[in-house]
Amino acid sequence: MLLCKYEDLVIDPAKYFQRIFTFIDGEFSPHFIAKVQASSVNKHDAPEMGAEIHALCVALLAKIDARYQGQIKHEQTEALQQHS
């Protein structure tokens, strides 16, 4: 499974769409990102929710973020090894 944060995808679409296409063994083309805009990031407040649900969401997001950062570091290390 490949994790990708929405914010990263829209802030640097060329990099992250390429990452996704590489993962699915697909052919990337710049026209896929022609209409991607970062203007939606943090545009709306999160919906209100109870404290218990909020705590569960925060804990789950922390786990996902840790895994995501691990994937990014692993990919960077592999890229460096391939260019060495």
N, C-alpha and C. Protein backbone atom coordinates (compact mmCIF):
# COMPACT_ATOMS: atom_id res chain seq x y z
N MET A 1 0.84 -1.16 0.00
CA MET A 1 0.00 0.00 0.00
C MET A 1 0.89 1.24 0.00
N LEU A 2 0.52 2.20 -0.78
CA LEU A 2 1.24 3.46 -0.86
C LEU A 2 0.42 4.54 -0.16
N LEU A 3 1.04 5.22 0.76
CA LEU A 3 0.39 6.33 1.44
C LEU A 3 0.81 7.64 0.79
N CYS A 4 -0.13 8.56 0.68
CA CYS A 4 0.17 9.88 0.15
C CYS A 4 -0.77 10.88 0.80
N LYS A 5 -0.19 11.90 1.39
CA LYS A 5 -1.02 12.92 2.02
C LYS A 5 -1.57 13.87 0.95
N TYR A 6 -2.84 14.19 1.09
CA TYR A 6 -3.49 15.09 0.14
C TYR A 6 -2.73 16.40 0.03
N GLU A 7 -2.30 16.92 1.16
CA GLU A 7 -1.59 18.20 1.16
C GLU A 7 -0.31 18.13 0.33
N ASP A 8 0.45 17.04 0.46
CA ASP A 8 1.67 16.87 -0.33
C ASP A 8 1.33 16.75 -1.82
N LEU A 9 0.28 16.01 -2.10
CA LEU A 9 -0.12 15.77 -3.49
C LEU A 9 -0.46 17.08 -4.21
N VAL A 10 -1.17 17.98 -3.54
CA VAL A 10 -1.57 19.21 -4.22
C VAL A 10 -0.51 20.31 -4.14
N ILE A 11 0.37 20.23 -3.15
CA ILE A 11 1.43 21.24 -3.04
C ILE A 11 2.57 20.96 -4.00
N ASP A 12 2.89 19.68 -4.21
CA ASP A 12 3.96 19.29 -5.14
C ASP A 12 3.44 18.17 -6.05
N PRO A 13 2.48 18.48 -6.91
CA PRO A 13 1.84 17.41 -7.70
C PRO A 13 2.79 16.66 -8.62
N ALA A 14 3.75 17.33 -9.22
CA ALA A 14 4.66 16.63 -10.13
C ALA A 14 5.40 15.51 -9.39
N LYS A 15 5.89 15.80 -8.22
CA LYS A 15 6.64 14.81 -7.44
C LYS A 15 5.74 13.66 -6.98
N TYR A 16 4.59 13.99 -6.41
CA TYR A 16 3.77 12.95 -5.80
C TYR A 16 2.93 12.17 -6.80
N PHE A 17 2.49 12.79 -7.89
CA PHE A 17 1.81 12.01 -8.92
C PHE A 17 2.80 11.04 -9.57
N GLN A 18 4.04 11.48 -9.79
CA GLN A 18 5.06 10.59 -10.33
C GLN A 18 5.26 9.40 -9.40
N ARG A 19 5.27 9.67 -8.10
CA ARG A 19 5.44 8.62 -7.09
C ARG A 19 4.30 7.60 -7.20
N ILE A 20 3.09 8.09 -7.35
CA ILE A 20 1.93 7.20 -7.47
C ILE A 20 1.99 6.38 -8.76
N PHE A 21 2.31 7.03 -9.86
CA PHE A 21 2.39 6.30 -11.13
C PHE A 21 3.52 5.26 -11.11
N THR A 22 4.62 5.57 -10.47
CA THR A 22 5.69 4.60 -10.33
C THR A 22 5.21 3.40 -9.52
N PHE A 23 4.48 3.68 -8.45
CA PHE A 23 3.97 2.61 -7.59
C PHE A 23 3.03 1.67 -8.34
N ILE A 24 2.17 2.24 -9.20
CA ILE A 24 1.21 1.41 -9.93
C ILE A 24 1.75 0.93 -11.27
N ASP A 25 3.03 1.26 -11.52
CA ASP A 25 3.69 0.88 -12.76
C ASP A 25 2.95 1.46 -13.97
N GLY A 26 2.56 2.72 -13.81
CA GLY A 26 1.85 3.41 -14.87
C GLY A 26 2.72 4.48 -15.50
N GLU A 27 2.28 4.97 -16.63
CA GLU A 27 3.04 6.01 -17.34
C GLU A 27 2.51 7.38 -16.94
N PHE A 28 3.37 8.18 -16.36
CA PHE A 28 3.00 9.53 -15.91
C PHE A 28 3.10 10.51 -17.07
N SER A 29 2.16 11.43 -17.11
CA SER A 29 2.19 12.52 -18.09
C SER A 29 1.85 13.81 -17.37
N PRO A 30 2.55 14.89 -17.67
CA PRO A 30 2.28 16.17 -17.00
C PRO A 30 0.84 16.66 -17.14
N HIS A 31 0.12 16.21 -18.16
CA HIS A 31 -1.26 16.68 -18.29
C HIS A 31 -2.15 16.19 -17.15
N PHE A 32 -1.72 15.16 -16.41
CA PHE A 32 -2.49 14.67 -15.26
C PHE A 32 -2.55 15.71 -14.14
N ILE A 33 -1.56 16.57 -14.09
CA ILE A 33 -1.50 17.53 -12.98
C ILE A 33 -1.83 18.96 -13.40
N ALA A 34 -2.27 19.14 -14.61
CA ALA A 34 -2.51 20.48 -15.15
C ALA A 34 -3.50 21.29 -14.32
N LYS A 35 -4.49 20.66 -13.74
CA LYS A 35 -5.52 21.39 -13.00
C LYS A 35 -5.44 21.20 -11.49
N VAL A 36 -4.37 20.61 -11.00
CA VAL A 36 -4.21 20.40 -9.57
C VAL A 36 -3.78 21.73 -8.93
N GLN A 37 -4.49 22.11 -7.88
CA GLN A 37 -4.19 23.37 -7.20
C GLN A 37 -4.13 23.16 -5.71
N ALA A 38 -3.25 23.87 -5.06
CA ALA A 38 -3.12 23.77 -3.61
C ALA A 38 -4.09 24.67 -2.86
N SER A 39 -4.94 25.37 -3.56
CA SER A 39 -5.81 26.35 -2.92
C SER A 39 -6.82 25.73 -1.96
N SER A 40 -7.06 24.43 -2.04
CA SER A 40 -8.04 23.80 -1.15
C SER A 40 -7.44 23.39 0.20
N VAL A 41 -6.12 23.41 0.33
CA VAL A 41 -5.48 22.99 1.58
C VAL A 41 -5.84 23.97 2.68
N ASN A 42 -6.34 23.43 3.79
CA ASN A 42 -6.74 24.21 4.97
C ASN A 42 -7.79 25.27 4.65
N LYS A 43 -8.59 25.03 3.65
CA LYS A 43 -9.62 25.99 3.25
C LYS A 43 -10.81 25.96 4.22
N HIS A 44 -11.11 24.80 4.75
CA HIS A 44 -12.25 24.64 5.64
C HIS A 44 -11.81 24.07 6.97
N ASP A 45 -12.52 24.44 8.01
CA ASP A 45 -12.26 23.87 9.33
C ASP A 45 -12.74 22.42 9.35
N ALA A 46 -12.13 21.63 10.19
CA ALA A 46 -12.55 20.24 10.36
C ALA A 46 -13.94 20.23 11.00
N PRO A 47 -14.74 19.23 10.68
CA PRO A 47 -16.07 19.16 11.29
C PRO A 47 -15.97 18.94 12.80
N GLU A 48 -16.98 19.40 13.51
CA GLU A 48 -17.00 19.20 14.97
C GLU A 48 -17.26 17.73 15.28
N MET A 49 -16.63 17.25 16.35
CA MET A 49 -16.84 15.87 16.77
C MET A 49 -16.59 15.78 18.27
N GLY A 50 -17.07 14.74 18.85
CA GLY A 50 -16.89 14.53 20.28
C GLY A 50 -15.42 14.31 20.62
N ALA A 51 -15.09 14.55 21.88
CA ALA A 51 -13.70 14.44 22.34
C ALA A 51 -13.14 13.03 22.15
N GLU A 52 -13.96 12.00 22.40
CA GLU A 52 -13.49 10.62 22.27
C GLU A 52 -13.16 10.31 20.81
N ILE A 53 -14.01 10.70 19.90
CA ILE A 53 -13.77 10.45 18.48
C ILE A 53 -12.56 11.25 18.02
N HIS A 54 -12.46 12.48 18.47
CA HIS A 54 -11.31 13.31 18.10
C HIS A 54 -10.00 12.66 18.56
N ALA A 55 -9.98 12.14 19.77
CA ALA A 55 -8.77 11.48 20.29
C ALA A 55 -8.42 10.26 19.45
N LEU A 56 -9.42 9.49 19.06
CA LEU A 56 -9.17 8.32 18.21
C LEU A 56 -8.60 8.75 16.85
N CYS A 57 -9.16 9.80 16.28
CA CYS A 57 -8.68 10.31 14.98
C CYS A 57 -7.24 10.81 15.09
N VAL A 58 -6.93 11.52 16.15
CA VAL A 58 -5.57 12.03 16.34
C VAL A 58 -4.59 10.87 16.47
N ALA A 59 -4.95 9.85 17.23
CA ALA A 59 -4.08 8.68 17.39
C ALA A 59 -3.88 7.95 16.07
N LEU A 60 -4.95 7.77 15.32
CA LEU A 60 -4.85 7.09 14.03
C LEU A 60 -4.01 7.91 13.05
N LEU A 61 -4.22 9.21 13.02
CA LEU A 61 -3.43 10.06 12.14
C LEU A 61 -1.95 10.01 12.50
N ALA A 62 -1.63 9.96 13.77
CA ALA A 62 -0.22 9.86 14.19
C ALA A 62 0.40 8.57 13.67
N LYS A 63 -0.33 7.46 13.73
CA LYS A 63 0.17 6.18 13.22
C LYS A 63 0.38 6.24 11.71
N ILE A 64 -0.60 6.80 11.01
CA ILE A 64 -0.49 6.91 9.56
C ILE A 64 0.66 7.82 9.17
N ASP A 65 0.80 8.96 9.85
CA ASP A 65 1.90 9.88 9.56
C ASP A 65 3.25 9.23 9.77
N ALA A 66 3.39 8.45 10.83
CA ALA A 66 4.66 7.77 11.10
C ALA A 66 4.97 6.78 9.98
N ARG A 67 3.98 6.03 9.55
CA ARG A 67 4.19 5.07 8.46
C ARG A 67 4.53 5.81 7.17
N TYR A 68 3.83 6.91 6.91
CA TYR A 68 4.06 7.72 5.71
C TYR A 68 5.49 8.26 5.68
N GLN A 69 5.94 8.81 6.79
CA GLN A 69 7.30 9.34 6.86
C GLN A 69 8.32 8.22 6.65
N GLY A 70 8.02 7.04 7.17
CA GLY A 70 8.89 5.89 6.95
C GLY A 70 8.97 5.51 5.48
N GLN A 71 7.84 5.56 4.77
CA GLN A 71 7.83 5.26 3.34
C GLN A 71 8.68 6.27 2.57
N ILE A 72 8.50 7.54 2.89
CA ILE A 72 9.24 8.60 2.19
C ILE A 72 10.75 8.41 2.42
N LYS A 73 11.16 8.17 3.66
CA LYS A 73 12.58 7.98 3.95
C LYS A 73 13.13 6.75 3.22
N HIS A 74 12.35 5.68 3.19
CA HIS A 74 12.78 4.46 2.50
C HIS A 74 12.97 4.72 1.01
N GLU A 75 12.02 5.45 0.39
CA GLU A 75 12.13 5.77 -1.03
C GLU A 75 13.34 6.66 -1.31
N GLN A 76 13.60 7.60 -0.41
CA GLN A 76 14.75 8.48 -0.60
C GLN A 76 16.05 7.68 -0.50
N THR A 77 16.11 6.76 0.45
CA THR A 77 17.31 5.93 0.61
C THR A 77 17.51 5.05 -0.62
N GLU A 78 16.44 4.46 -1.13
CA GLU A 78 16.56 3.64 -2.34
C GLU A 78 17.03 4.47 -3.54
N ALA A 79 16.51 5.68 -3.67
CA ALA A 79 16.90 6.55 -4.77
C ALA A 79 18.37 6.91 -4.68
N LEU A 80 18.85 7.18 -3.49
CA LEU A 80 20.27 7.50 -3.31
C LEU A 80 21.15 6.29 -3.65
N GLN A 81 20.73 5.11 -3.25
CA GLN A 81 21.50 3.89 -3.52
C GLN A 81 21.54 3.60 -5.03
N GLN A 82 20.46 3.89 -5.73
CA GLN A 82 20.42 3.63 -7.16
C GLN A 82 21.33 4.59 -7.92
N HIS A 83 21.51 5.80 -7.39
CA HIS A 83 22.33 6.81 -8.07
C HIS A 83 23.80 6.74 -7.65
N SER A 84 24.11 5.82 -6.75
CA SER A 84 25.50 5.69 -6.27
C SER A 84 26.28 4.73 -7.13
